[in-house]
Amino acid sequence: MMLWDKIQKKLDEQEKTVYWLSKQTGIHINTIYSLKNNLAKDMAFSKVSKIADALNVDLNEFKETEK
C-alpha cells in the first residue's frame, strides 16, 4: 500500500479532509495534492511526521509495504 493510500484511509476514518490536513500540519495543500496525485513519490520525513501527528497515528503505520 502506498503512502497516500494510508493517509487517505486515516482521513476517511476520522472524517477529515485534505484541506484540514494542510491546515493542521502547515504543509501547503499543493504539496499534499502532489502526493495524492502521484506527482511526488517521496516526501520529507519531517512532513510525514507532521501528518502522522495530525492524524494521531504512529509513523510506522506509514511504512510502505510491497505488494
N, C-alpha and C. Protein backbone atom coordinates (compact mmCIF):
# COMPACT_ATOMS: atom_id res chain seq x y z
N MET A 1 0.85 -1.17 0.00
CA MET A 1 0.00 0.00 0.00
C MET A 1 0.90 1.24 0.00
N MET A 2 0.56 2.18 -0.84
CA MET A 2 1.36 3.40 -0.97
C MET A 2 1.05 4.37 0.18
N LEU A 3 1.97 5.29 0.39
CA LEU A 3 1.83 6.27 1.48
C LEU A 3 0.50 7.00 1.40
N TRP A 4 0.16 7.52 0.23
CA TRP A 4 -1.08 8.29 0.15
C TRP A 4 -2.30 7.45 0.50
N ASP A 5 -2.32 6.20 0.07
CA ASP A 5 -3.46 5.33 0.38
C ASP A 5 -3.65 5.21 1.88
N LYS A 6 -2.56 5.12 2.60
CA LYS A 6 -2.63 5.01 4.06
C LYS A 6 -3.12 6.31 4.69
N ILE A 7 -2.63 7.43 4.16
CA ILE A 7 -3.08 8.74 4.66
C ILE A 7 -4.56 8.91 4.38
N GLN A 8 -4.98 8.60 3.16
CA GLN A 8 -6.39 8.75 2.79
C GLN A 8 -7.29 7.88 3.67
N LYS A 9 -6.85 6.68 3.96
CA LYS A 9 -7.63 5.78 4.82
C LYS A 9 -7.83 6.42 6.19
N LYS A 10 -6.76 6.99 6.75
CA LYS A 10 -6.87 7.63 8.06
C LYS A 10 -7.76 8.86 8.00
N LEU A 11 -7.63 9.64 6.93
CA LEU A 11 -8.51 10.81 6.77
C LEU A 11 -9.97 10.37 6.72
N ASP A 12 -10.25 9.34 5.95
CA ASP A 12 -11.62 8.84 5.83
C ASP A 12 -12.15 8.34 7.17
N GLU A 13 -11.32 7.57 7.88
CA GLU A 13 -11.73 7.03 9.18
C GLU A 13 -12.07 8.15 10.17
N GLN A 14 -11.32 9.25 10.07
CA GLN A 14 -11.50 10.36 11.01
C GLN A 14 -12.42 11.45 10.45
N GLU A 15 -12.94 11.20 9.25
CA GLU A 15 -13.83 12.16 8.58
C GLU A 15 -13.17 13.53 8.46
N LYS A 16 -11.92 13.53 8.03
CA LYS A 16 -11.14 14.76 7.83
C LYS A 16 -10.87 14.94 6.34
N THR A 17 -10.52 16.16 5.96
CA THR A 17 -10.27 16.47 4.56
C THR A 17 -8.80 16.81 4.33
N VAL A 18 -8.43 16.86 3.06
CA VAL A 18 -7.07 17.28 2.70
C VAL A 18 -6.84 18.72 3.16
N TYR A 19 -7.86 19.55 3.02
CA TYR A 19 -7.76 20.94 3.49
C TYR A 19 -7.47 20.98 4.98
N TRP A 20 -8.18 20.17 5.76
CA TRP A 20 -7.95 20.10 7.21
C TRP A 20 -6.51 19.68 7.49
N LEU A 21 -6.05 18.66 6.77
CA LEU A 21 -4.69 18.16 6.97
C LEU A 21 -3.66 19.24 6.68
N SER A 22 -3.88 19.98 5.64
CA SER A 22 -2.97 21.08 5.29
C SER A 22 -2.92 22.11 6.41
N LYS A 23 -4.06 22.49 6.91
CA LYS A 23 -4.12 23.50 7.99
C LYS A 23 -3.48 22.98 9.28
N GLN A 24 -3.72 21.72 9.60
CA GLN A 24 -3.17 21.13 10.83
C GLN A 24 -1.65 20.99 10.78
N THR A 25 -1.13 20.68 9.62
CA THR A 25 0.30 20.38 9.50
C THR A 25 1.14 21.57 9.07
N GLY A 26 0.51 22.55 8.43
CA GLY A 26 1.26 23.66 7.87
C GLY A 26 1.91 23.30 6.54
N ILE A 27 1.55 22.14 6.00
CA ILE A 27 2.07 21.70 4.70
C ILE A 27 1.14 22.27 3.63
N HIS A 28 1.74 22.96 2.65
CA HIS A 28 0.93 23.58 1.61
C HIS A 28 0.03 22.54 0.95
N ILE A 29 -1.20 22.92 0.70
CA ILE A 29 -2.16 21.98 0.14
C ILE A 29 -1.71 21.43 -1.20
N ASN A 30 -0.98 22.22 -1.99
CA ASN A 30 -0.50 21.72 -3.28
C ASN A 30 0.51 20.59 -3.09
N THR A 31 1.29 20.66 -2.02
CA THR A 31 2.24 19.59 -1.72
C THR A 31 1.50 18.30 -1.39
N ILE A 32 0.43 18.43 -0.63
CA ILE A 32 -0.36 17.25 -0.28
C ILE A 32 -1.04 16.68 -1.53
N TYR A 33 -1.58 17.56 -2.37
CA TYR A 33 -2.20 17.07 -3.61
C TYR A 33 -1.19 16.44 -4.55
N SER A 34 0.05 16.93 -4.54
CA SER A 34 1.09 16.31 -5.37
C SER A 34 1.33 14.87 -4.93
N LEU A 35 1.34 14.65 -3.64
CA LEU A 35 1.49 13.29 -3.12
C LEU A 35 0.26 12.45 -3.49
N LYS A 36 -0.91 13.04 -3.31
CA LYS A 36 -2.15 12.32 -3.61
C LYS A 36 -2.22 11.92 -5.08
N ASN A 37 -1.76 12.79 -5.95
CA ASN A 37 -1.87 12.54 -7.39
C ASN A 37 -0.63 11.87 -7.98
N ASN A 38 0.20 11.31 -7.10
CA ASN A 38 1.41 10.59 -7.51
C ASN A 38 2.41 11.46 -8.28
N LEU A 39 2.37 12.76 -8.07
CA LEU A 39 3.35 13.65 -8.69
C LEU A 39 4.60 13.73 -7.83
N ALA A 40 4.43 13.45 -6.55
CA ALA A 40 5.57 13.40 -5.63
C ALA A 40 5.63 11.98 -5.07
N LYS A 41 6.65 11.27 -5.43
CA LYS A 41 6.77 9.88 -4.99
C LYS A 41 7.24 9.77 -3.54
N ASP A 42 8.07 10.72 -3.13
CA ASP A 42 8.60 10.70 -1.78
C ASP A 42 8.29 12.03 -1.11
N MET A 43 8.26 11.98 0.20
CA MET A 43 8.03 13.19 0.97
C MET A 43 9.02 13.21 2.12
N ALA A 44 9.49 14.39 2.47
CA ALA A 44 10.46 14.55 3.55
C ALA A 44 9.92 13.94 4.85
N PHE A 45 10.82 13.35 5.60
CA PHE A 45 10.45 12.72 6.87
C PHE A 45 9.71 13.71 7.77
N SER A 46 10.17 14.95 7.81
CA SER A 46 9.54 15.94 8.69
C SER A 46 8.07 16.16 8.33
N LYS A 47 7.76 16.11 7.04
CA LYS A 47 6.37 16.30 6.62
C LYS A 47 5.53 15.07 6.95
N VAL A 48 6.09 13.90 6.73
CA VAL A 48 5.36 12.67 7.07
C VAL A 48 5.11 12.62 8.58
N SER A 49 6.08 13.07 9.34
CA SER A 49 5.94 13.12 10.80
C SER A 49 4.82 14.06 11.21
N LYS A 50 4.73 15.21 10.56
CA LYS A 50 3.65 16.17 10.86
C LYS A 50 2.29 15.57 10.53
N ILE A 51 2.22 14.85 9.41
CA ILE A 51 0.97 14.22 9.01
C ILE A 51 0.56 13.16 10.04
N ALA A 52 1.52 12.35 10.45
CA ALA A 52 1.25 11.31 11.45
C ALA A 52 0.75 11.94 12.75
N ASP A 53 1.40 13.02 13.17
CA ASP A 53 0.98 13.70 14.40
C ASP A 53 -0.45 14.25 14.27
N ALA A 54 -0.74 14.87 13.14
CA ALA A 54 -2.08 15.44 12.93
C ALA A 54 -3.15 14.37 12.95
N LEU A 55 -2.82 13.20 12.39
CA LEU A 55 -3.79 12.11 12.34
C LEU A 55 -3.73 11.21 13.58
N ASN A 56 -2.81 11.56 14.50
CA ASN A 56 -2.65 10.82 15.74
C ASN A 56 -2.37 9.33 15.49
N VAL A 57 -1.41 9.08 14.58
CA VAL A 57 -1.00 7.71 14.28
C VAL A 57 0.51 7.57 14.44
N ASP A 58 0.94 6.35 14.65
CA ASP A 58 2.37 6.04 14.74
C ASP A 58 2.99 6.12 13.35
N LEU A 59 4.17 6.68 13.26
CA LEU A 59 4.86 6.78 11.97
C LEU A 59 5.01 5.43 11.28
N ASN A 60 5.14 4.37 12.05
CA ASN A 60 5.30 3.03 11.47
C ASN A 60 4.10 2.62 10.62
N GLU A 61 2.95 3.21 10.88
CA GLU A 61 1.77 2.89 10.08
C GLU A 61 1.91 3.38 8.64
N PHE A 62 2.83 4.33 8.42
CA PHE A 62 3.01 4.88 7.08
C PHE A 62 4.14 4.21 6.30
N LYS A 63 4.74 3.20 6.89
CA LYS A 63 5.77 2.47 6.14
C LYS A 63 5.14 1.86 4.91
N GLU A 64 5.81 2.00 3.79
CA GLU A 64 5.29 1.41 2.56
C GLU A 64 5.58 -0.07 2.54
N THR A 65 4.59 -0.82 2.11
CA THR A 65 4.74 -2.27 2.02
C THR A 65 4.66 -2.67 0.56
N GLU A 66 5.42 -3.69 0.22
CA GLU A 66 5.41 -4.17 -1.16
C GLU A 66 4.21 -5.05 -1.37
N LYS A 67 3.72 -5.06 -2.61
CA LYS A 67 2.56 -5.89 -2.95
C LYS A 67 2.99 -7.31 -3.18
